[in-house]
Amino acid sequence: MRNHTLTTDPIERLARRRAGAKMGWHIHASVYLLVNLLLVALSVGSGRHWAVFPALGWGIGLAIHGMVVFFLAGGSNLHERMVQAERDRLSAAQTPR
């Protein structure tokens, strides 16, 4: 059986890293949902609506995590375009004029 954690194939490593980041976000979102459902139940049971505050705060963190994973990390077109733009700038700077 092949050990996937020590692979030398860069595509395989990149694919595993991206899949791991996406799985991390899904776990984060699941925990967020479960904990906040519990907090809402406690909030309603106490007759006050305080659960919205931790949900909003944590929701901001979850949203930032999602943006990093799905839009700014290596799997998005935005990231690829930015990397290519930097390559072009560096190549232009090294080219003698």
N, C-alpha and C. Protein backbone atom coordinates (compact mmCIF):
# COMPACT_ATOMS: atom_id res chain seq x y z
N MET A 1 0.84 -1.19 0.00
CA MET A 1 0.00 0.00 0.00
C MET A 1 0.88 1.25 0.00
N ARG A 2 0.51 2.20 -0.76
CA ARG A 2 1.30 3.42 -0.92
C ARG A 2 1.00 4.41 0.20
N ASN A 3 2.02 5.00 0.77
CA ASN A 3 1.86 6.00 1.82
C ASN A 3 1.64 7.36 1.18
N HIS A 4 0.42 7.89 1.29
CA HIS A 4 0.06 9.14 0.60
C HIS A 4 0.62 10.38 1.28
N THR A 5 0.98 10.29 2.56
CA THR A 5 1.47 11.48 3.24
C THR A 5 2.90 11.82 2.85
N LEU A 6 3.65 10.85 2.33
CA LEU A 6 5.03 11.09 1.96
C LEU A 6 5.24 11.11 0.44
N THR A 7 4.19 11.37 -0.30
CA THR A 7 4.27 11.37 -1.75
C THR A 7 5.15 12.51 -2.24
N THR A 8 5.85 12.28 -3.33
CA THR A 8 6.69 13.31 -3.92
C THR A 8 6.01 14.00 -5.09
N ASP A 9 4.86 13.53 -5.49
CA ASP A 9 4.13 14.12 -6.60
C ASP A 9 3.52 15.45 -6.15
N PRO A 10 3.95 16.56 -6.74
CA PRO A 10 3.47 17.87 -6.29
C PRO A 10 1.96 18.06 -6.51
N ILE A 11 1.42 17.48 -7.56
CA ILE A 11 -0.02 17.61 -7.81
C ILE A 11 -0.81 16.88 -6.73
N GLU A 12 -0.34 15.71 -6.37
CA GLU A 12 -1.01 14.94 -5.31
C GLU A 12 -0.96 15.68 -3.98
N ARG A 13 0.20 16.24 -3.65
CA ARG A 13 0.32 16.99 -2.40
C ARG A 13 -0.58 18.22 -2.39
N LEU A 14 -0.61 18.93 -3.51
CA LEU A 14 -1.46 20.12 -3.61
C LEU A 14 -2.94 19.75 -3.51
N ALA A 15 -3.33 18.69 -4.19
CA ALA A 15 -4.72 18.24 -4.14
C ALA A 15 -5.12 17.85 -2.73
N ARG A 16 -4.24 17.14 -2.02
CA ARG A 16 -4.54 16.74 -0.65
C ARG A 16 -4.61 17.95 0.28
N ARG A 17 -3.73 18.92 0.06
CA ARG A 17 -3.74 20.12 0.90
C ARG A 17 -5.04 20.91 0.69
N ARG A 18 -5.44 21.06 -0.57
CA ARG A 18 -6.68 21.80 -0.87
C ARG A 18 -7.90 21.06 -0.33
N ALA A 19 -7.93 19.75 -0.50
CA ALA A 19 -9.05 18.96 0.03
C ALA A 19 -9.09 19.03 1.55
N GLY A 20 -7.93 19.01 2.18
CA GLY A 20 -7.87 19.13 3.63
C GLY A 20 -8.38 20.47 4.12
N ALA A 21 -8.04 21.54 3.41
CA ALA A 21 -8.52 22.88 3.78
C ALA A 21 -10.03 22.96 3.65
N LYS A 22 -10.58 22.39 2.59
CA LYS A 22 -12.03 22.42 2.40
C LYS A 22 -12.73 21.56 3.44
N MET A 23 -12.14 20.41 3.77
CA MET A 23 -12.72 19.56 4.82
C MET A 23 -12.67 20.29 6.16
N GLY A 24 -11.60 21.01 6.42
CA GLY A 24 -11.50 21.79 7.65
C GLY A 24 -12.61 22.82 7.75
N TRP A 25 -12.93 23.47 6.65
CA TRP A 25 -14.01 24.44 6.68
C TRP A 25 -15.36 23.76 6.94
N HIS A 26 -15.59 22.61 6.31
CA HIS A 26 -16.85 21.90 6.52
C HIS A 26 -16.99 21.45 7.97
N ILE A 27 -15.91 21.01 8.59
CA ILE A 27 -15.95 20.65 10.00
C ILE A 27 -16.24 21.88 10.85
N HIS A 28 -15.59 22.98 10.55
CA HIS A 28 -15.81 24.24 11.26
C HIS A 28 -17.28 24.65 11.16
N ALA A 29 -17.84 24.56 9.97
CA ALA A 29 -19.25 24.94 9.77
C ALA A 29 -20.19 24.01 10.52
N SER A 30 -19.88 22.74 10.56
CA SER A 30 -20.73 21.78 11.28
C SER A 30 -20.72 22.05 12.78
N VAL A 31 -19.54 22.30 13.32
CA VAL A 31 -19.44 22.60 14.75
C VAL A 31 -20.16 23.91 15.05
N TYR A 32 -19.99 24.91 14.18
CA TYR A 32 -20.69 26.18 14.34
C TYR A 32 -22.20 25.96 14.42
N LEU A 33 -22.72 25.19 13.50
CA LEU A 33 -24.16 24.94 13.45
C LEU A 33 -24.64 24.22 14.71
N LEU A 34 -23.97 23.16 15.11
CA LEU A 34 -24.39 22.40 16.29
C LEU A 34 -24.31 23.22 17.57
N VAL A 35 -23.20 23.92 17.76
CA VAL A 35 -23.05 24.71 18.99
C VAL A 35 -24.07 25.84 19.03
N ASN A 36 -24.28 26.50 17.89
CA ASN A 36 -25.22 27.61 17.91
C ASN A 36 -26.66 27.15 18.04
N LEU A 37 -27.00 25.96 17.56
CA LEU A 37 -28.34 25.42 17.83
C LEU A 37 -28.52 25.19 19.32
N LEU A 38 -27.50 24.68 19.98
CA LEU A 38 -27.56 24.49 21.43
C LEU A 38 -27.69 25.83 22.15
N LEU A 39 -26.93 26.82 21.72
CA LEU A 39 -27.02 28.15 22.34
C LEU A 39 -28.39 28.79 22.13
N VAL A 40 -28.96 28.59 20.96
CA VAL A 40 -30.31 29.12 20.70
C VAL A 40 -31.32 28.46 21.62
N ALA A 41 -31.19 27.14 21.79
CA ALA A 41 -32.10 26.43 22.69
C ALA A 41 -31.97 26.96 24.12
N LEU A 42 -30.74 27.18 24.57
CA LEU A 42 -30.53 27.73 25.91
C LEU A 42 -31.07 29.16 26.01
N SER A 43 -30.87 29.92 24.97
CA SER A 43 -31.33 31.31 24.93
C SER A 43 -32.85 31.39 25.00
N VAL A 44 -33.52 30.58 24.20
CA VAL A 44 -34.98 30.57 24.19
C VAL A 44 -35.51 30.06 25.54
N GLY A 45 -34.83 29.07 26.09
CA GLY A 45 -35.23 28.52 27.38
C GLY A 45 -35.12 29.53 28.51
N SER A 46 -34.19 30.46 28.40
CA SER A 46 -34.04 31.47 29.45
C SER A 46 -34.94 32.68 29.21
N GLY A 47 -35.60 32.73 28.06
CA GLY A 47 -36.49 33.85 27.77
C GLY A 47 -35.79 35.07 27.22
N ARG A 48 -34.52 34.96 26.93
CA ARG A 48 -33.77 36.08 26.38
C ARG A 48 -33.17 35.65 25.05
N HIS A 49 -32.82 36.60 24.23
CA HIS A 49 -32.30 36.29 22.90
C HIS A 49 -30.84 36.71 22.78
N TRP A 50 -30.02 36.19 23.66
CA TRP A 50 -28.60 36.53 23.68
C TRP A 50 -27.77 35.69 22.70
N ALA A 51 -28.31 34.60 22.20
CA ALA A 51 -27.53 33.68 21.35
C ALA A 51 -27.13 34.30 20.02
N VAL A 52 -27.75 35.38 19.65
CA VAL A 52 -27.42 36.01 18.38
C VAL A 52 -25.99 36.59 18.41
N PHE A 53 -25.53 37.01 19.57
CA PHE A 53 -24.22 37.65 19.65
C PHE A 53 -23.06 36.67 19.40
N PRO A 54 -23.04 35.50 20.08
CA PRO A 54 -21.97 34.56 19.71
C PRO A 54 -22.11 34.03 18.28
N ALA A 55 -23.35 33.90 17.81
CA ALA A 55 -23.55 33.41 16.44
C ALA A 55 -22.99 34.41 15.42
N LEU A 56 -23.20 35.69 15.66
CA LEU A 56 -22.67 36.70 14.74
C LEU A 56 -21.15 36.78 14.79
N GLY A 57 -20.61 36.77 15.99
CA GLY A 57 -19.15 36.83 16.12
C GLY A 57 -18.46 35.65 15.48
N TRP A 58 -18.94 34.47 15.80
CA TRP A 58 -18.36 33.25 15.25
C TRP A 58 -18.65 33.16 13.75
N GLY A 59 -19.81 33.66 13.35
CA GLY A 59 -20.17 33.65 11.93
C GLY A 59 -19.22 34.48 11.09
N ILE A 60 -18.75 35.58 11.65
CA ILE A 60 -17.76 36.40 10.94
C ILE A 60 -16.48 35.60 10.73
N GLY A 61 -16.05 34.91 11.78
CA GLY A 61 -14.85 34.07 11.66
C GLY A 61 -15.04 32.95 10.65
N LEU A 62 -16.21 32.34 10.66
CA LEU A 62 -16.50 31.26 9.71
C LEU A 62 -16.52 31.79 8.28
N ALA A 63 -17.07 32.98 8.10
CA ALA A 63 -17.11 33.58 6.76
C ALA A 63 -15.70 33.89 6.26
N ILE A 64 -14.86 34.41 7.13
CA ILE A 64 -13.47 34.70 6.74
C ILE A 64 -12.75 33.40 6.40
N HIS A 65 -12.95 32.39 7.22
CA HIS A 65 -12.36 31.08 6.95
C HIS A 65 -12.81 30.58 5.57
N GLY A 66 -14.09 30.70 5.26
CA GLY A 66 -14.61 30.26 3.97
C GLY A 66 -14.02 31.05 2.81
N MET A 67 -13.89 32.36 2.99
CA MET A 67 -13.31 33.17 1.91
C MET A 67 -11.87 32.77 1.64
N VAL A 68 -11.11 32.52 2.70
CA VAL A 68 -9.72 32.11 2.53
C VAL A 68 -9.64 30.77 1.81
N VAL A 69 -10.46 29.82 2.23
CA VAL A 69 -10.40 28.47 1.66
C VAL A 69 -10.91 28.43 0.23
N PHE A 70 -12.04 29.08 -0.03
CA PHE A 70 -12.69 28.91 -1.33
C PHE A 70 -12.36 30.00 -2.35
N PHE A 71 -11.89 31.16 -1.90
CA PHE A 71 -11.64 32.24 -2.86
C PHE A 71 -10.18 32.68 -2.93
N LEU A 72 -9.48 32.63 -1.83
CA LEU A 72 -8.11 33.15 -1.82
C LEU A 72 -7.05 32.07 -1.83
N ALA A 73 -7.40 30.87 -1.45
CA ALA A 73 -6.42 29.79 -1.39
C ALA A 73 -6.12 29.27 -2.80
N GLY A 74 -5.26 28.29 -2.87
CA GLY A 74 -4.75 27.79 -4.13
C GLY A 74 -5.78 27.25 -5.10
N GLY A 75 -7.00 26.98 -4.69
CA GLY A 75 -7.96 26.37 -5.60
C GLY A 75 -8.82 27.34 -6.37
N SER A 76 -8.64 28.62 -6.13
CA SER A 76 -9.52 29.58 -6.79
C SER A 76 -8.85 30.23 -7.99
N ASN A 77 -9.64 30.70 -8.90
CA ASN A 77 -9.10 31.40 -10.06
C ASN A 77 -8.46 32.72 -9.65
N LEU A 78 -8.99 33.36 -8.62
CA LEU A 78 -8.43 34.62 -8.15
C LEU A 78 -6.97 34.41 -7.75
N HIS A 79 -6.72 33.37 -6.99
CA HIS A 79 -5.35 33.09 -6.55
C HIS A 79 -4.44 32.81 -7.74
N GLU A 80 -4.91 32.01 -8.67
CA GLU A 80 -4.10 31.68 -9.84
C GLU A 80 -3.79 32.93 -10.67
N ARG A 81 -4.77 33.82 -10.82
CA ARG A 81 -4.53 35.06 -11.57
C ARG A 81 -3.52 35.95 -10.85
N MET A 82 -3.61 36.01 -9.52
CA MET A 82 -2.66 36.82 -8.76
C MET A 82 -1.24 36.26 -8.87
N VAL A 83 -1.11 34.94 -8.79
CA VAL A 83 0.20 34.31 -8.93
C VAL A 83 0.77 34.59 -10.32
N GLN A 84 -0.05 34.48 -11.34
CA GLN A 84 0.42 34.75 -12.70
C GLN A 84 0.82 36.21 -12.87
N ALA A 85 0.07 37.11 -12.27
CA ALA A 85 0.43 38.53 -12.35
C ALA A 85 1.78 38.79 -11.69
N GLU A 86 2.02 38.14 -10.55
CA GLU A 86 3.32 38.29 -9.88
C GLU A 86 4.45 37.70 -10.71
N ARG A 87 4.20 36.55 -11.33
CA ARG A 87 5.21 35.96 -12.22
C ARG A 87 5.55 36.93 -13.35
N ASP A 88 4.52 37.52 -13.94
CA ASP A 88 4.74 38.46 -15.04
C ASP A 88 5.54 39.67 -14.58
N ARG A 89 5.21 40.21 -13.40
CA ARG A 89 5.95 41.37 -12.87
C ARG A 89 7.41 41.02 -12.61
N LEU A 90 7.63 39.85 -12.00
CA LEU A 90 9.00 39.44 -11.71
C LEU A 90 9.79 39.20 -12.99
N SER A 91 9.17 38.60 -13.97
CA SER A 91 9.84 38.38 -15.26
C SER A 91 10.17 39.68 -15.93
N ALA A 92 9.26 40.63 -15.88
CA ALA A 92 9.50 41.94 -16.49
C ALA A 92 10.61 42.68 -15.77
N ALA A 93 10.71 42.53 -14.46
CA ALA A 93 11.73 43.21 -13.69
C ALA A 93 13.12 42.62 -13.96
N GLN A 94 13.18 41.34 -14.28
CA GLN A 94 14.47 40.70 -14.53
C GLN A 94 14.94 40.85 -15.97
N THR A 95 14.04 41.21 -16.87
CA THR A 95 14.38 41.34 -18.27
C THR A 95 15.16 42.65 -18.45
N PRO A 96 16.37 42.58 -19.07
CA PRO A 96 17.14 43.81 -19.29
C PRO A 96 16.43 44.73 -20.28
N ARG A 97 16.56 46.01 -20.03
CA ARG A 97 15.86 46.99 -20.88
C ARG A 97 16.81 47.62 -21.84
